[in-house]
Amino acid sequence: MNNVIGECPICGGELVVSKLSCTSCSTEVSGKFKLSKFNHLSKEDLYFIEVFIKNRGNIKQIEKELGISYPTVKKNLDEVIVHLGYEVADDEKEKKEDVFKKLENGEITAKEAAKLLK
């Protein structure tokens, strides 16, 4: 049995499922059924997601299993996020917000915050 593909191999258009069959009783249902976002991902993206979930998002374990660096893990994750139709968060903005939160919570000093923001 083959995996469902999301794009037409001829023109690249979006594919829909038009027939479903039960493997147990052979009942068939026909119509137009929309594919999920995941059906439109490449095999490489799906494998990365599988490894990511299996390792519960632990970057170190993902690096080790895939034999890739931290920046490559982040790049692959960003690509999957974009392929699923979402925007990738701005890391710089998140880092600044994190520094401000730590400062606000008294986890770091103003001097340390200034150093981190440079």
PDB file of N, CA and C in Angstrom:
ATOM      1  N   MET A   1       0.841  -1.173   0.000  1.00  0.00           N
ATOM      2  CA  MET A   1       0.000   0.000   0.000  1.00  0.00           C
ATOM      3  C   MET A   1       0.893   1.246   0.000  1.00  0.00           C
ATOM      4  N   ASN A   2       0.539   2.228  -0.788  1.00  0.00           N
ATOM      5  CA  ASN A   2       1.309   3.473  -0.894  1.00  0.00           C
ATOM      6  C   ASN A   2       0.738   4.541   0.027  1.00  0.00           C
ATOM      7  N   ASN A   3       1.595   5.503   0.398  1.00  0.00           N
ATOM      8  CA  ASN A   3       1.130   6.648   1.180  1.00  0.00           C
ATOM      9  C   ASN A   3       0.357   7.603   0.284  1.00  0.00           C
ATOM     10  N   VAL A   4      -0.565   8.337   0.866  1.00  0.00           N
ATOM     11  CA  VAL A   4      -1.325   9.340   0.126  1.00  0.00           C
ATOM     12  C   VAL A   4      -0.392  10.508  -0.175  1.00  0.00           C
ATOM     13  N   ILE A   5      -0.466  11.015  -1.392  1.00  0.00           N
ATOM     14  CA  ILE A   5       0.317  12.200  -1.753  1.00  0.00           C
ATOM     15  C   ILE A   5      -0.625  13.392  -1.825  1.00  0.00           C
ATOM     16  N   GLY A   6      -0.101  14.584  -1.625  1.00  0.00           N
ATOM     17  CA  GLY A   6      -0.938  15.770  -1.578  1.00  0.00           C
ATOM     18  C   GLY A   6      -0.903  16.627  -2.816  1.00  0.00           C
ATOM     19  N   GLU A   7       0.110  16.377  -3.686  1.00  0.00           N
ATOM     20  CA  GLU A   7       0.232  17.182  -4.904  1.00  0.00           C
ATOM     21  C   GLU A   7       0.203  16.280  -6.132  1.00  0.00           C
ATOM     22  N   CYS A   8      -0.408  16.779  -7.193  1.00  0.00           N
ATOM     23  CA  CYS A   8      -0.468  16.052  -8.455  1.00  0.00           C
ATOM     24  C   CYS A   8       0.941  15.901  -9.020  1.00  0.00           C
ATOM     25  N   PRO A   9       1.343  14.676  -9.366  1.00  0.00           N
ATOM     26  CA  PRO A   9       2.685  14.481  -9.922  1.00  0.00           C
ATOM     27  C   PRO A   9       2.838  15.060 -11.332  1.00  0.00           C
ATOM     28  N   ILE A  10       1.734  15.402 -11.972  1.00  0.00           N
ATOM     29  CA  ILE A  10       1.784  15.955 -13.329  1.00  0.00           C
ATOM     30  C   ILE A  10       1.854  17.478 -13.307  1.00  0.00           C
ATOM     31  N   CYS A  11       0.895  18.121 -12.630  1.00  0.00           N
ATOM     32  CA  CYS A  11       0.830  19.588 -12.688  1.00  0.00           C
ATOM     33  C   CYS A  11       1.157  20.285 -11.371  1.00  0.00           C
ATOM     34  N   GLY A  12       1.259  19.507 -10.271  1.00  0.00           N
ATOM     35  CA  GLY A  12       1.553  20.116  -8.976  1.00  0.00           C
ATOM     36  C   GLY A  12       0.331  20.636  -8.245  1.00  0.00           C
ATOM     37  N   GLY A  13      -0.859  20.435  -8.816  1.00  0.00           N
ATOM     38  CA  GLY A  13      -2.090  20.893  -8.170  1.00  0.00           C
ATOM     39  C   GLY A  13      -2.421  20.079  -6.930  1.00  0.00           C
ATOM     40  N   GLU A  14      -3.343  20.604  -6.125  1.00  0.00           N
ATOM     41  CA  GLU A  14      -3.751  19.926  -4.895  1.00  0.00           C
ATOM     42  C   GLU A  14      -4.610  18.716  -5.218  1.00  0.00           C
ATOM     43  N   LEU A  15      -4.333  17.603  -4.560  1.00  0.00           N
ATOM     44  CA  LEU A  15      -5.113  16.390  -4.742  1.00  0.00           C
ATOM     45  C   LEU A  15      -6.141  16.247  -3.622  1.00  0.00           C
ATOM     46  N   VAL A  16      -7.269  15.608  -3.932  1.00  0.00           N
ATOM     47  CA  VAL A  16      -8.269  15.258  -2.926  1.00  0.00           C
ATOM     48  C   VAL A  16      -8.481  13.751  -2.995  1.00  0.00           C
ATOM     49  N   VAL A  17      -8.883  13.171  -1.896  1.00  0.00           N
ATOM     50  CA  VAL A  17      -9.206  11.746  -1.872  1.00  0.00           C
ATOM     51  C   VAL A  17     -10.653  11.630  -2.338  1.00  0.00           C
ATOM     52  N   SER A  18     -10.894  10.711  -3.269  1.00  0.00           N
ATOM     53  CA  SER A  18     -12.255  10.589  -3.794  1.00  0.00           C
ATOM     54  C   SER A  18     -12.916   9.264  -3.438  1.00  0.00           C
ATOM     55  N   LYS A  19     -12.161   8.341  -2.851  1.00  0.00           N
ATOM     56  CA  LYS A  19     -12.754   7.053  -2.507  1.00  0.00           C
ATOM     57  C   LYS A  19     -12.025   6.479  -1.288  1.00  0.00           C
ATOM     58  N   LEU A  20     -12.804   5.981  -0.336  1.00  0.00           N
ATOM     59  CA  LEU A  20     -12.261   5.328   0.850  1.00  0.00           C
ATOM     60  C   LEU A  20     -12.793   3.906   0.887  1.00  0.00           C
ATOM     61  N   SER A  21     -11.930   2.965   1.280  1.00  0.00           N
ATOM     62  CA  SER A  21     -12.341   1.561   1.349  1.00  0.00           C
ATOM     63  C   SER A  21     -11.972   0.978   2.698  1.00  0.00           C
ATOM     64  N   CYS A  22     -12.881   0.220   3.284  1.00  0.00           N
ATOM     65  CA  CYS A  22     -12.636  -0.447   4.561  1.00  0.00           C
ATOM     66  C   CYS A  22     -11.835  -1.723   4.309  1.00  0.00           C
ATOM     67  N   THR A  23     -10.736  -1.893   5.037  1.00  0.00           N
ATOM     68  CA  THR A  23      -9.909  -3.095   4.864  1.00  0.00           C
ATOM     69  C   THR A  23     -10.551  -4.318   5.498  1.00  0.00           C
ATOM     70  N   SER A  24     -11.523  -4.104   6.377  1.00  0.00           N
ATOM     71  CA  SER A  24     -12.166  -5.216   7.074  1.00  0.00           C
ATOM     72  C   SER A  24     -13.362  -5.776   6.294  1.00  0.00           C
ATOM     73  N   CYS A  25     -14.302  -4.904   5.918  1.00  0.00           N
ATOM     74  CA  CYS A  25     -15.534  -5.399   5.282  1.00  0.00           C
ATOM     75  C   CYS A  25     -15.684  -4.976   3.819  1.00  0.00           C
ATOM     76  N   SER A  26     -14.711  -4.245   3.288  1.00  0.00           N
ATOM     77  CA  SER A  26     -14.703  -3.799   1.889  1.00  0.00           C
ATOM     78  C   SER A  26     -15.758  -2.744   1.565  1.00  0.00           C
ATOM     79  N   THR A  27     -16.358  -2.119   2.565  1.00  0.00           N
ATOM     80  CA  THR A  27     -17.292  -1.024   2.311  1.00  0.00           C
ATOM     81  C   THR A  27     -16.520   0.094   1.625  1.00  0.00           C
ATOM     82  N   GLU A  28     -17.141   0.731   0.647  1.00  0.00           N
ATOM     83  CA  GLU A  28     -16.504   1.841  -0.060  1.00  0.00           C
ATOM     84  C   GLU A  28     -17.352   3.100   0.078  1.00  0.00           C
ATOM     85  N   VAL A  29     -16.695   4.203   0.317  1.00  0.00           N
ATOM     86  CA  VAL A  29     -17.345   5.505   0.425  1.00  0.00           C
ATOM     87  C   VAL A  29     -16.670   6.402  -0.603  1.00  0.00           C
ATOM     88  N   SER A  30     -17.465   7.053  -1.439  1.00  0.00           N
ATOM     89  CA  SER A  30     -16.862   7.946  -2.424  1.00  0.00           C
ATOM     90  C   SER A  30     -17.394   9.354  -2.242  1.00  0.00           C
ATOM     91  N   GLY A  31     -16.596  10.319  -2.646  1.00  0.00           N
ATOM     92  CA  GLY A  31     -16.916  11.726  -2.503  1.00  0.00           C
ATOM     93  C   GLY A  31     -15.626  12.522  -2.626  1.00  0.00           C
ATOM     94  N   LYS A  32     -15.600  13.704  -2.063  1.00  0.00           N
ATOM     95  CA  LYS A  32     -14.370  14.501  -2.051  1.00  0.00           C
ATOM     96  C   LYS A  32     -13.972  14.734  -0.600  1.00  0.00           C
ATOM     97  N   PHE A  33     -12.805  14.219  -0.241  1.00  0.00           N
ATOM     98  CA  PHE A  33     -12.307  14.312   1.119  1.00  0.00           C
ATOM     99  C   PHE A  33     -10.993  15.082   1.115  1.00  0.00           C
ATOM    100  N   LYS A  34     -10.930  16.108   1.945  1.00  0.00           N
ATOM    101  CA  LYS A  34      -9.740  16.939   2.013  1.00  0.00           C
ATOM    102  C   LYS A  34      -8.628  16.223   2.775  1.00  0.00           C
ATOM    103  N   LEU A  35      -7.407  16.393   2.312  1.00  0.00           N
ATOM    104  CA  LEU A  35      -6.241  15.836   2.983  1.00  0.00           C
ATOM    105  C   LEU A  35      -5.800  16.776   4.107  1.00  0.00           C
ATOM    106  N   SER A  36      -5.094  16.237   5.090  1.00  0.00           N
ATOM    107  CA  SER A  36      -4.574  17.075   6.172  1.00  0.00           C
ATOM    108  C   SER A  36      -3.319  17.811   5.704  1.00  0.00           C
ATOM    109  N   LYS A  37      -2.902  18.784   6.471  1.00  0.00           N
ATOM    110  CA  LYS A  37      -1.675  19.526   6.159  1.00  0.00           C
ATOM    111  C   LYS A  37      -0.480  18.592   6.064  1.00  0.00           C
ATOM    112  N   PHE A  38      -0.502  17.530   6.852  1.00  0.00           N
ATOM    113  CA  PHE A  38       0.636  16.612   6.891  1.00  0.00           C
ATOM    114  C   PHE A  38       0.778  15.807   5.602  1.00  0.00           C
ATOM    115  N   ASN A  39      -0.322  15.617   4.871  1.00  0.00           N
ATOM    116  CA  ASN A  39      -0.247  14.898   3.603  1.00  0.00           C
ATOM    117  C   ASN A  39       0.503  15.692   2.536  1.00  0.00           C
ATOM    118  N   HIS A  40       0.685  16.978   2.773  1.00  0.00           N
ATOM    119  CA  HIS A  40       1.368  17.829   1.804  1.00  0.00           C
ATOM    120  C   HIS A  40       2.852  17.986   2.120  1.00  0.00           C
ATOM    121  N   LEU A  41       3.319  17.361   3.202  1.00  0.00           N
ATOM    122  CA  LEU A  41       4.731  17.452   3.572  1.00  0.00           C
ATOM    123  C   LEU A  41       5.543  16.397   2.840  1.00  0.00           C
ATOM    124  N   SER A  42       6.829  16.694   2.657  1.00  0.00           N
ATOM    125  CA  SER A  42       7.725  15.728   2.023  1.00  0.00           C
ATOM    126  C   SER A  42       8.027  14.590   2.997  1.00  0.00           C
ATOM    127  N   LYS A  43       8.568  13.504   2.481  1.00  0.00           N
ATOM    128  CA  LYS A  43       8.955  12.373   3.325  1.00  0.00           C
ATOM    129  C   LYS A  43       9.994  12.804   4.352  1.00  0.00           C
ATOM    130  N   GLU A  44      10.894  13.696   3.948  1.00  0.00           N
ATOM    131  CA  GLU A  44      11.937  14.187   4.842  1.00  0.00           C
ATOM    132  C   GLU A  44      11.333  14.983   5.999  1.00  0.00           C
ATOM    133  N   ASP A  45      10.345  15.845   5.681  1.00  0.00           N
ATOM    134  CA  ASP A  45       9.680  16.620   6.726  1.00  0.00           C
ATOM    135  C   ASP A  45       8.940  15.702   7.699  1.00  0.00           C
ATOM    136  N   LEU A  46       8.250  14.707   7.171  1.00  0.00           N
ATOM    137  CA  LEU A  46       7.509  13.776   8.023  1.00  0.00           C
ATOM    138  C   LEU A  46       8.446  12.976   8.922  1.00  0.00           C
ATOM    139  N   TYR A  47       9.593  12.578   8.370  1.00  0.00           N
ATOM    140  CA  TYR A  47      10.572  11.841   9.179  1.00  0.00           C
ATOM    141  C   TYR A  47      11.117  12.730  10.296  1.00  0.00           C
ATOM    142  N   PHE A  48      11.406  13.997   9.967  1.00  0.00           N
ATOM    143  CA  PHE A  48      11.896  14.925  10.981  1.00  0.00           C
ATOM    144  C   PHE A  48      10.862  15.086  12.093  1.00  0.00           C
ATOM    145  N   ILE A  49       9.585  15.237  11.732  1.00  0.00           N
ATOM    146  CA  ILE A  49       8.511  15.376  12.726  1.00  0.00           C
ATOM    147  C   ILE A  49       8.438  14.126  13.603  1.00  0.00           C
ATOM    148  N   GLU A  50       8.569  12.962  12.987  1.00  0.00           N
ATOM    149  CA  GLU A  50       8.533  11.707  13.741  1.00  0.00           C
ATOM    150  C   GLU A  50       9.663  11.656  14.767  1.00  0.00           C
ATOM    151  N   VAL A  51      10.881  12.005  14.339  1.00  0.00           N
ATOM    152  CA  VAL A  51      12.029  12.015  15.243  1.00  0.00           C
ATOM    153  C   VAL A  51      11.837  13.067  16.328  1.00  0.00           C
ATOM    154  N   PHE A  52      11.321  14.234  15.959  1.00  0.00           N
ATOM    155  CA  PHE A  52      11.078  15.318  16.912  1.00  0.00           C
ATOM    156  C   PHE A  52      10.108  14.864  18.005  1.00  0.00           C
ATOM    157  N   ILE A  53       9.009  14.242  17.600  1.00  0.00           N
ATOM    158  CA  ILE A  53       7.997  13.791  18.565  1.00  0.00           C
ATOM    159  C   ILE A  53       8.547  12.648  19.417  1.00  0.00           C
ATOM    160  N   LYS A  54       9.215  11.698  18.783  1.00  0.00           N
ATOM    161  CA  LYS A  54       9.773  10.561  19.512  1.00  0.00           C
ATOM    162  C   LYS A  54      10.717  11.012  20.614  1.00  0.00           C
ATOM    163  N   ASN A  55      11.465  12.083  20.330  1.00  0.00           N
ATOM    164  CA  ASN A  55      12.433  12.613  21.295  1.00  0.00           C
ATOM    165  C   ASN A  55      11.858  13.744  22.144  1.00  0.00           C
ATOM    166  N   ARG A  56      10.531  13.915  22.070  1.00  0.00           N
ATOM    167  CA  ARG A  56       9.820  14.916  22.855  1.00  0.00           C
ATOM    168  C   ARG A  56      10.402  16.313  22.711  1.00  0.00           C
ATOM    169  N   GLY A  57      10.896  16.618  21.519  1.00  0.00           N
ATOM    170  CA  GLY A  57      11.417  17.949  21.242  1.00  0.00           C
ATOM    171  C   GLY A  57      12.777  18.226  21.841  1.00  0.00           C
ATOM    172  N   ASN A  58      13.418  17.221  22.410  1.00  0.00           N
ATOM    173  CA  ASN A  58      14.740  17.407  23.011  1.00  0.00           C
ATOM    174  C   ASN A  58      15.773  17.566  21.888  1.00  0.00           C
ATOM    175  N   ILE A  59      16.248  18.804  21.715  1.00  0.00           N
ATOM    176  CA  ILE A  59      17.137  19.127  20.598  1.00  0.00           C
ATOM    177  C   ILE A  59      18.406  18.275  20.622  1.00  0.00           C
ATOM    178  N   LYS A  60      18.985  18.085  21.794  1.00  0.00           N
ATOM    179  CA  LYS A  60      20.221  17.286  21.914  1.00  0.00           C
ATOM    180  C   LYS A  60      20.003  15.862  21.397  1.00  0.00           C
ATOM    181  N   GLN A  61      18.878  15.257  21.760  1.00  0.00           N
ATOM    182  CA  GLN A  61      18.597  13.897  21.302  1.00  0.00           C
ATOM    183  C   GLN A  61      18.332  13.862  19.801  1.00  0.00           C
ATOM    184  N   ILE A  62      17.670  14.889  19.291  1.00  0.00           N
ATOM    185  CA  ILE A  62      17.394  14.967  17.851  1.00  0.00           C
ATOM    186  C   ILE A  62      18.712  15.111  17.095  1.00  0.00           C
ATOM    187  N   GLU A  63      19.599  15.981  17.591  1.00  0.00           N
ATOM    188  CA  GLU A  63      20.926  16.149  16.985  1.00  0.00           C
ATOM    189  C   GLU A  63      21.631  14.803  16.895  1.00  0.00           C
ATOM    190  N   LYS A  64      21.623  14.091  18.016  1.00  0.00           N
ATOM    191  CA  LYS A  64      22.328  12.809  18.102  1.00  0.00           C
ATOM    192  C   LYS A  64      21.732  11.777  17.146  1.00  0.00           C
ATOM    193  N   GLU A  65      20.393  11.651  17.152  1.00  0.00           N
ATOM    194  CA  GLU A  65      19.752  10.639  16.312  1.00  0.00           C
ATOM    195  C   GLU A  65      19.932  10.914  14.825  1.00  0.00           C
ATOM    196  N   LEU A  66      19.812  12.190  14.436  1.00  0.00           N
ATOM    197  CA  LEU A  66      19.914  12.531  13.014  1.00  0.00           C
ATOM    198  C   LEU A  66      21.343  12.840  12.569  1.00  0.00           C
ATOM    199  N   GLY A  67      22.240  12.987  13.536  1.00  0.00           N
ATOM    200  CA  GLY A  67      23.636  13.299  13.200  1.00  0.00           C
ATOM    201  C   GLY A  67      23.780  14.691  12.598  1.00  0.00           C
ATOM    202  N   ILE A  68      22.998  15.643  13.118  1.00  0.00           N
ATOM    203  CA  ILE A  68      23.045  17.011  12.614  1.00  0.00           C
ATOM    204  C   ILE A  68      23.279  17.986  13.766  1.00  0.00           C
ATOM    205  N   SER A  69      23.645  19.208  13.415  1.00  0.00           N
ATOM    206  CA  SER A  69      23.954  20.223  14.415  1.00  0.00           C
ATOM    207  C   SER A  69      22.697  20.937  14.898  1.00  0.00           C
ATOM    208  N   TYR A  70      22.853  21.675  16.003  1.00  0.00           N
ATOM    209  CA  TYR A  70      21.752  22.459  16.567  1.00  0.00           C
ATOM    210  C   TYR A  70      21.154  23.413  15.519  1.00  0.00           C
ATOM    211  N   PRO A  71      21.989  24.189  14.797  1.00  0.00           N
ATOM    212  CA  PRO A  71      21.410  25.092  13.791  1.00  0.00           C
ATOM    213  C   PRO A  71      20.624  24.350  12.702  1.00  0.00           C
ATOM    214  N   THR A  72      21.054  23.150  12.353  1.00  0.00           N
ATOM    215  CA  THR A  72      20.346  22.375  11.329  1.00  0.00           C
ATOM    216  C   THR A  72      19.007  21.878  11.871  1.00  0.00           C
ATOM    217  N   VAL A  73      18.975  21.468  13.133  1.00  0.00           N
ATOM    218  CA  VAL A  73      17.703  21.060  13.749  1.00  0.00           C
ATOM    219  C   VAL A  73      16.731  22.236  13.713  1.00  0.00           C
ATOM    220  N   LYS A  74      17.203  23.427  14.132  1.00  0.00           N
ATOM    221  CA  LYS A  74      16.358  24.627  14.139  1.00  0.00           C
ATOM    222  C   LYS A  74      15.879  24.965  12.722  1.00  0.00           C
ATOM    223  N   LYS A  75      16.771  24.860  11.748  1.00  0.00           N
ATOM    224  CA  LYS A  75      16.423  25.157  10.356  1.00  0.00           C
ATOM    225  C   LYS A  75      15.351  24.179   9.866  1.00  0.00           C
ATOM    226  N   ASN A  76      15.537  22.893  10.139  1.00  0.00           N
ATOM    227  CA  ASN A  76      14.549  21.880   9.730  1.00  0.00           C
ATOM    228  C   ASN A  76      13.201  22.127  10.389  1.00  0.00           C
ATOM    229  N   LEU A  77      13.219  22.471  11.662  1.00  0.00           N
ATOM    230  CA  LEU A  77      11.976  22.751  12.377  1.00  0.00           C
ATOM    231  C   LEU A  77      11.276  23.971  11.786  1.00  0.00           C
ATOM    232  N   ASP A  78      12.044  25.020  11.496  1.00  0.00           N
ATOM    233  CA  ASP A  78      11.472  26.223  10.880  1.00  0.00           C
ATOM    234  C   ASP A  78      10.855  25.902   9.513  1.00  0.00           C
ATOM    235  N   GLU A  79      11.523  25.055   8.735  1.00  0.00           N
ATOM    236  CA  GLU A  79      11.002  24.683   7.413  1.00  0.00           C
ATOM    237  C   GLU A  79       9.684  23.923   7.540  1.00  0.00           C
ATOM    238  N   VAL A  80       9.606  23.008   8.485  1.00  0.00           N
ATOM    239  CA  VAL A  80       8.364  22.249   8.691  1.00  0.00           C
ATOM    240  C   VAL A  80       7.241  23.195   9.110  1.00  0.00           C
ATOM    241  N   ILE A  81       7.552  24.124  10.000  1.00  0.00           N
ATOM    242  CA  ILE A  81       6.553  25.098  10.458  1.00  0.00           C
ATOM    243  C   ILE A  81       6.005  25.884   9.267  1.00  0.00           C
ATOM    244  N   VAL A  82       6.889  26.333   8.393  1.00  0.00           N
ATOM    245  CA  VAL A  82       6.480  27.090   7.200  1.00  0.00           C
ATOM    246  C   VAL A  82       5.677  26.208   6.248  1.00  0.00           C
ATOM    247  N   HIS A  83       6.126  24.957   6.045  1.00  0.00           N
ATOM    248  CA  HIS A  83       5.415  24.038   5.146  1.00  0.00           C
ATOM    249  C   HIS A  83       4.010  23.720   5.651  1.00  0.00           C
ATOM    250  N   LEU A  84       3.819  23.813   6.966  1.00  0.00           N
ATOM    251  CA  LEU A  84       2.486  23.587   7.536  1.00  0.00           C
ATOM    252  C   LEU A  84       1.612  24.836   7.454  1.00  0.00           C
ATOM    253  N   GLY A  85       2.185  25.936   6.964  1.00  0.00           N
ATOM    254  CA  GLY A  85       1.408  27.151   6.747  1.00  0.00           C
ATOM    255  C   GLY A  85       1.475  28.173   7.862  1.00  0.00           C
ATOM    256  N   TYR A  86       2.451  28.033   8.752  1.00  0.00           N
ATOM    257  CA  TYR A  86       2.590  28.976   9.861  1.00  0.00           C
ATOM    258  C   TYR A  86       3.819  29.850   9.665  1.00  0.00           C
ATOM    259  N   GLU A  87       3.857  30.959  10.388  1.00  0.00           N
ATOM    260  CA  GLU A  87       5.018  31.840  10.346  1.00  0.00           C
ATOM    261  C   GLU A  87       6.006  31.412  11.418  1.00  0.00           C
ATOM    262  N   VAL A  88       7.276  31.570  11.107  1.00  0.00           N
ATOM    263  CA  VAL A  88       8.328  31.253  12.065  1.00  0.00           C
ATOM    264  C   VAL A  88       8.546  32.473  12.951  1.00  0.00           C
ATOM    265  N   ALA A  89       8.580  32.237  14.254  1.00  0.00           N
ATOM    266  CA  ALA A  89       8.785  33.329  15.206  1.00  0.00           C
ATOM    267  C   ALA A  89      10.181  33.912  15.049  1.00  0.00           C
ATOM    268  N   ASP A  90      10.293  35.181  15.312  1.00  0.00           N
ATOM    269  CA  ASP A  90      11.570  35.876  15.254  1.00  0.00           C
ATOM    270  C   ASP A  90      12.363  35.551  16.511  1.00  0.00           C
ATOM    271  N   ASP A  91      13.460  34.790  16.357  1.00  0.00           N
ATOM    272  CA  ASP A  91      14.265  34.370  17.500  1.00  0.00           C
ATOM    273  C   ASP A  91      14.814  35.547  18.295  1.00  0.00           C
ATOM    274  N   GLU A  92      15.211  36.614  17.594  1.00  0.00           N
ATOM    275  CA  GLU A  92      15.760  37.778  18.291  1.00  0.00           C
ATOM    276  C   GLU A  92      14.732  38.393  19.229  1.00  0.00           C
ATOM    277  N   LYS A  93      13.514  38.511  18.754  1.00  0.00           N
ATOM    278  CA  LYS A  93      12.446  39.076  19.566  1.00  0.00           C
ATOM    279  C   LYS A  93      12.190  38.194  20.789  1.00  0.00           C
ATOM    280  N   GLU A  94      12.158  36.866  20.575  1.00  0.00           N
ATOM    281  CA  GLU A  94      11.938  35.938  21.672  1.00  0.00           C
ATOM    282  C   GLU A  94      13.062  36.015  22.697  1.00  0.00           C
ATOM    283  N   LYS A  95      14.305  36.140  22.232  1.00  0.00           N
ATOM    284  CA  LYS A  95      15.449  36.230  23.134  1.00  0.00           C
ATOM    285  C   LYS A  95      15.353  37.486  23.997  1.00  0.00           C
ATOM    286  N   LYS A  96      14.985  38.595  23.370  1.00  0.00           N
ATOM    287  CA  LYS A  96      14.848  39.850  24.116  1.00  0.00           C
ATOM    288  C   LYS A  96      13.744  39.736  25.161  1.00  0.00           C
ATOM    289  N   GLU A  97      12.616  39.167  24.775  1.00  0.00           N
ATOM    290  CA  GLU A  97      11.510  38.997  25.708  1.00  0.00           C
ATOM    291  C   GLU A  97      11.922  38.107  26.876  1.00  0.00           C
ATOM    292  N   ASP A  98      12.696  37.076  26.586  1.00  0.00           N
ATOM    293  CA  ASP A  98      13.172  36.163  27.622  1.00  0.00           C
ATOM    294  C   ASP A  98      14.087  36.896  28.609  1.00  0.00           C
ATOM    295  N   VAL A  99      14.967  37.749  28.088  1.00  0.00           N
ATOM    296  CA  VAL A  99      15.866  38.528  28.941  1.00  0.00           C
ATOM    297  C   VAL A  99      15.055  39.446  29.836  1.00  0.00           C
ATOM    298  N   PHE A 100      14.060  40.122  29.272  1.00  0.00           N
ATOM    299  CA  PHE A 100      13.232  41.034  30.065  1.00  0.00           C
ATOM    300  C   PHE A 100      12.448  40.294  31.150  1.00  0.00           C
ATOM    301  N   LYS A 101      11.952  39.102  30.829  1.00  0.00           N
ATOM    302  CA  LYS A 101      11.229  38.302  31.820  1.00  0.00           C
ATOM    303  C   LYS A 101      12.154  37.905  32.966  1.00  0.00           C
ATOM    304  N   LYS A 102      13.378  37.470  32.621  1.00  0.00           N
ATOM    305  CA  LYS A 102      14.343  37.089  33.651  1.00  0.00           C
ATOM    306  C   LYS A 102      14.699  38.282  34.531  1.00  0.00           C
ATOM    307  N   LEU A 103      14.835  39.437  33.904  1.00  0.00           N
ATOM    308  CA  LEU A 103      15.142  40.651  34.650  1.00  0.00           C
ATOM    309  C   LEU A 103      13.980  40.997  35.588  1.00  0.00           C
ATOM    310  N   GLU A 104      12.781  40.932  35.053  1.00  0.00           N
ATOM    311  CA  GLU A 104      11.581  41.249  35.823  1.00  0.00           C
ATOM    312  C   GLU A 104      11.404  40.300  37.017  1.00  0.00           C
ATOM    313  N   ASN A 105      11.752  39.018  36.813  1.00  0.00           N
ATOM    314  CA  ASN A 105      11.616  38.013  37.866  1.00  0.00           C
ATOM    315  C   ASN A 105      12.798  37.998  38.838  1.00  0.00           C
ATOM    316  N   GLY A 106      13.762  38.869  38.604  1.00  0.00           N
ATOM    317  CA  GLY A 106      14.920  38.939  39.485  1.00  0.00           C
ATOM    318  C   GLY A 106      15.928  37.824  39.282  1.00  0.00           C
ATOM    319  N   GLU A 107      15.830  37.132  38.155  1.00  0.00           N
ATOM    320  CA  GLU A 107      16.745  36.025  37.873  1.00  0.00           C
ATOM    321  C   GLU A 107      18.113  36.520  37.412  1.00  0.00           C
ATOM    322  N   ILE A 108      18.153  37.715  36.831  1.00  0.00           N
ATOM    323  CA  ILE A 108      19.405  38.326  36.393  1.00  0.00           C
ATOM    324  C   ILE A 108      19.415  39.796  36.798  1.00  0.00           C
ATOM    325  N   THR A 109      20.598  40.373  36.816  1.00  0.00           N
ATOM    326  CA  THR A 109      20.729  41.792  37.170  1.00  0.00           C
ATOM    327  C   THR A 109      20.572  42.645  35.912  1.00  0.00           C
ATOM    328  N   ALA A 110      20.416  43.947  36.117  1.00  0.00           N
ATOM    329  CA  ALA A 110      20.306  44.876  34.982  1.00  0.00           C
ATOM    330  C   ALA A 110      21.579  44.847  34.147  1.00  0.00           C
ATOM    331  N   LYS A 111      22.706  44.703  34.826  1.00  0.00           N
ATOM    332  CA  LYS A 111      23.998  44.649  34.120  1.00  0.00           C
ATOM    333  C   LYS A 111      24.064  43.400  33.245  1.00  0.00           C
ATOM    334  N   GLU A 112      23.614  42.263  33.787  1.00  0.00           N
ATOM    335  CA  GLU A 112      23.608  41.018  33.011  1.00  0.00           C
ATOM    336  C   GLU A 112      22.645  41.120  31.832  1.00  0.00           C
ATOM    337  N   ALA A 113      21.491  41.749  32.062  1.00  0.00           N
ATOM    338  CA  ALA A 113      20.496  41.941  30.994  1.00  0.00           C
ATOM    339  C   ALA A 113      21.069  42.783  29.875  1.00  0.00           C
ATOM    340  N   ALA A 114      21.753  43.869  30.232  1.00  0.00           N
ATOM    341  CA  ALA A 114      22.353  44.738  29.222  1.00  0.00           C
ATOM    342  C   ALA A 114      23.386  43.977  28.398  1.00  0.00           C
ATOM    343  N   LYS A 115      24.147  43.145  29.067  1.00  0.00           N
ATOM    344  CA  LYS A 115      25.173  42.340  28.383  1.00  0.00           C
ATOM    345  C   LYS A 115      24.521  41.355  27.401  1.00  0.00           C
ATOM    346  N   LEU A 116      23.437  40.712  27.851  1.00  0.00           N
ATOM    347  CA  LEU A 116      22.740  39.744  26.992  1.00  0.00           C
ATOM    348  C   LEU A 116      22.068  40.383  25.794  1.00  0.00           C
ATOM    349  N   LEU A 117      21.630  41.616  25.947  1.00  0.00           N
ATOM    350  CA  LEU A 117      20.931  42.318  24.867  1.00  0.00           C
ATOM    351  C   LEU A 117      21.877  42.895  23.818  1.00  0.00           C
ATOM    352  N   LYS A 118      23.166  42.954  24.126  1.00  0.00           N
ATOM    353  CA  LYS A 118      24.148  43.477  23.145  1.00  0.00           C
ATOM    354  C   LYS A 118      24.420  42.503  22.053  1.00  0.00           C
TER     355      LYS A 118
END
